[in-house]
Amino acid sequence: MNEKLKIKLSIADRVYPLTVETSQEEGLRSASKKIDMMIKQFEENYAVRDKQDVLAMCALQFASQLEQKQIDNAIDGKQTIERIRKINDALLGYLEKTKG
């Protein structure tokens, strides 16, 4: 039975109470810290007046990282499939030669 845990996360100077699975706590706390670090970085490097803008830029950055990983994985998957096909063709060729 998964036990629920009540936690409070602080993001952009606001506290968010959440009820989560125990297994999710570490990931959520880590994500919260990364968001706050990214907010600080945006505020230090750009003339941002509104937290909403900073949070939108954080969301865009995280979403673009996720999309890029999915694109990279799709490319890697295609390359892997192509390698398997070449190996399969080589094996079939070898088996045909040794058959007769």
C-alpha atoms as a PDB file:
ATOM      1  CA  MET A   1       0.000   0.000   0.000  1.00  0.00           C
ATOM      2  CA  ASN A   2       1.456   3.366  -1.051  1.00  0.00           C
ATOM      3  CA  GLU A   3       1.480   5.810   1.779  1.00  0.00           C
ATOM      4  CA  LYS A   4       0.507   9.431   1.145  1.00  0.00           C
ATOM      5  CA  LEU A   5       2.670  12.195   2.485  1.00  0.00           C
ATOM      6  CA  LYS A   6       1.752  15.836   3.055  1.00  0.00           C
ATOM      7  CA  ILE A   7       4.528  18.175   2.009  1.00  0.00           C
ATOM      8  CA  LYS A   8       4.947  21.874   1.358  1.00  0.00           C
ATOM      9  CA  LEU A   9       6.976  23.076  -1.584  1.00  0.00           C
ATOM     10  CA  SER A  10       8.125  26.634  -2.056  1.00  0.00           C
ATOM     11  CA  ILE A  11       8.300  27.871  -5.627  1.00  0.00           C
ATOM     12  CA  ALA A  12       8.820  31.530  -6.536  1.00  0.00           C
ATOM     13  CA  ASP A  13       8.250  32.656  -2.940  1.00  0.00           C
ATOM     14  CA  ARG A  14       4.904  30.853  -2.711  1.00  0.00           C
ATOM     15  CA  VAL A  15       4.170  27.771  -0.668  1.00  0.00           C
ATOM     16  CA  TYR A  16       2.238  24.902  -2.222  1.00  0.00           C
ATOM     17  CA  PRO A  17       0.867  22.191   0.075  1.00  0.00           C
ATOM     18  CA  LEU A  18       0.707  18.830  -1.683  1.00  0.00           C
ATOM     19  CA  THR A  19      -0.338  15.309  -0.840  1.00  0.00           C
ATOM     20  CA  VAL A  20       1.946  12.922  -2.703  1.00  0.00           C
ATOM     21  CA  GLU A  21       3.121   9.348  -2.791  1.00  0.00           C
ATOM     22  CA  THR A  22       6.197   8.794  -0.626  1.00  0.00           C
ATOM     23  CA  SER A  23       8.090   7.711  -3.741  1.00  0.00           C
ATOM     24  CA  GLN A  24       7.418  11.092  -5.387  1.00  0.00           C
ATOM     25  CA  GLU A  25       8.728  13.317  -2.598  1.00  0.00           C
ATOM     26  CA  GLU A  26      12.395  13.380  -3.556  1.00  0.00           C
ATOM     27  CA  GLY A  27      11.661  14.124  -7.220  1.00  0.00           C
ATOM     28  CA  LEU A  28       9.243  16.916  -6.365  1.00  0.00           C
ATOM     29  CA  ARG A  29      11.648  18.537  -3.916  1.00  0.00           C
ATOM     30  CA  SER A  30      14.458  18.329  -6.447  1.00  0.00           C
ATOM     31  CA  ALA A  31      12.264  19.840  -9.170  1.00  0.00           C
ATOM     32  CA  SER A  32      11.222  22.652  -6.830  1.00  0.00           C
ATOM     33  CA  LYS A  33      14.871  23.480  -6.127  1.00  0.00           C
ATOM     34  CA  LYS A  34      15.728  23.449  -9.825  1.00  0.00           C
ATOM     35  CA  ILE A  35      12.846  25.792 -10.599  1.00  0.00           C
ATOM     36  CA  ASP A  36      13.951  28.219  -7.888  1.00  0.00           C
ATOM     37  CA  MET A  37      17.552  28.113  -9.145  1.00  0.00           C
ATOM     38  CA  MET A  38      16.367  28.766 -12.687  1.00  0.00           C
ATOM     39  CA  ILE A  39      14.178  31.652 -11.496  1.00  0.00           C
ATOM     40  CA  LYS A  40      17.161  33.190  -9.737  1.00  0.00           C
ATOM     41  CA  GLN A  41      19.297  32.777 -12.853  1.00  0.00           C
ATOM     42  CA  PHE A  42      16.676  34.442 -15.084  1.00  0.00           C
ATOM     43  CA  GLU A  43      16.240  37.311 -12.631  1.00  0.00           C
ATOM     44  CA  GLU A  44      20.005  37.883 -12.422  1.00  0.00           C
ATOM     45  CA  ASN A  45      20.644  37.710 -16.169  1.00  0.00           C
ATOM     46  CA  TYR A  46      17.581  39.414 -17.630  1.00  0.00           C
ATOM     47  CA  ALA A  47      15.563  42.515 -16.795  1.00  0.00           C
ATOM     48  CA  VAL A  48      12.436  40.690 -15.712  1.00  0.00           C
ATOM     49  CA  ARG A  49       9.761  42.632 -13.883  1.00  0.00           C
ATOM     50  CA  ASP A  50       7.128  39.991 -13.339  1.00  0.00           C
ATOM     51  CA  LYS A  51       7.328  36.542 -11.708  1.00  0.00           C
ATOM     52  CA  GLN A  52       4.794  35.342 -14.282  1.00  0.00           C
ATOM     53  CA  ASP A  53       7.311  36.028 -17.056  1.00  0.00           C
ATOM     54  CA  VAL A  54      10.069  34.236 -15.164  1.00  0.00           C
ATOM     55  CA  LEU A  55       7.850  31.225 -14.522  1.00  0.00           C
ATOM     56  CA  ALA A  56       6.837  31.146 -18.199  1.00  0.00           C
ATOM     57  CA  MET A  57      10.493  31.114 -19.216  1.00  0.00           C
ATOM     58  CA  CYS A  58      11.196  28.297 -16.721  1.00  0.00           C
ATOM     59  CA  ALA A  59       8.303  26.287 -18.128  1.00  0.00           C
ATOM     60  CA  LEU A  60       9.562  26.871 -21.662  1.00  0.00           C
ATOM     61  CA  GLN A  61      13.084  25.802 -20.736  1.00  0.00           C
ATOM     62  CA  PHE A  62      11.930  22.591 -19.040  1.00  0.00           C
ATOM     63  CA  ALA A  63       9.525  21.771 -21.873  1.00  0.00           C
ATOM     64  CA  SER A  64      12.186  22.372 -24.530  1.00  0.00           C
ATOM     65  CA  GLN A  65      14.646  20.120 -22.666  1.00  0.00           C
ATOM     66  CA  LEU A  66      12.031  17.364 -22.546  1.00  0.00           C
ATOM     67  CA  GLU A  67      11.198  17.764 -26.240  1.00  0.00           C
ATOM     68  CA  GLN A  68      14.873  17.690 -27.205  1.00  0.00           C
ATOM     69  CA  LYS A  69      15.398  14.484 -25.219  1.00  0.00           C
ATOM     70  CA  GLN A  70      12.443  12.893 -26.996  1.00  0.00           C
ATOM     71  CA  ILE A  71      13.828  13.972 -30.379  1.00  0.00           C
ATOM     72  CA  ASP A  72      17.279  12.643 -29.471  1.00  0.00           C
ATOM     73  CA  ASN A  73      15.773   9.335 -28.300  1.00  0.00           C
ATOM     74  CA  ALA A  74      13.774   9.011 -31.528  1.00  0.00           C
ATOM     75  CA  ILE A  75      16.934   9.560 -33.586  1.00  0.00           C
ATOM     76  CA  ASP A  76      18.856   7.063 -31.458  1.00  0.00           C
ATOM     77  CA  GLY A  77      15.985   4.591 -31.839  1.00  0.00           C
ATOM     78  CA  LYS A  78      16.091   4.896 -35.636  1.00  0.00           C
ATOM     79  CA  GLN A  79      19.842   4.388 -35.653  1.00  0.00           C
ATOM     80  CA  THR A  80      19.502   1.334 -33.430  1.00  0.00           C
ATOM     81  CA  ILE A  81      16.834  -0.165 -35.681  1.00  0.00           C
ATOM     82  CA  GLU A  82      19.044   0.439 -38.722  1.00  0.00           C
ATOM     83  CA  ARG A  83      21.996  -1.286 -37.017  1.00  0.00           C
ATOM     84  CA  ILE A  84      19.814  -4.258 -36.102  1.00  0.00           C
ATOM     85  CA  ARG A  85      18.616  -4.513 -39.719  1.00  0.00           C
ATOM     86  CA  LYS A  86      22.216  -4.520 -40.988  1.00  0.00           C
ATOM     87  CA  ILE A  87      23.199  -7.202 -38.477  1.00  0.00           C
ATOM     88  CA  ASN A  88      20.129  -9.226 -39.392  1.00  0.00           C
ATOM     89  CA  ASP A  89      20.929  -8.930 -43.110  1.00  0.00           C
ATOM     90  CA  ALA A  90      24.523 -10.017 -42.465  1.00  0.00           C
ATOM     91  CA  LEU A  91      23.343 -13.012 -40.443  1.00  0.00           C
ATOM     92  CA  LEU A  92      20.830 -13.997 -43.114  1.00  0.00           C
ATOM     93  CA  GLY A  93      23.560 -13.727 -45.753  1.00  0.00           C
ATOM     94  CA  TYR A  94      25.866 -15.896 -43.694  1.00  0.00           C
ATOM     95  CA  LEU A  95      23.163 -18.496 -43.099  1.00  0.00           C
ATOM     96  CA  GLU A  96      22.351 -18.639 -46.823  1.00  0.00           C
ATOM     97  CA  LYS A  97      26.028 -19.247 -47.634  1.00  0.00           C
ATOM     98  CA  THR A  98      26.430 -21.992 -45.033  1.00  0.00           C
ATOM     99  CA  LYS A  99      23.145 -23.670 -45.922  1.00  0.00           C
ATOM    100  CA  GLY A 100      24.192 -25.157 -49.190  1.00  0.00           C
END
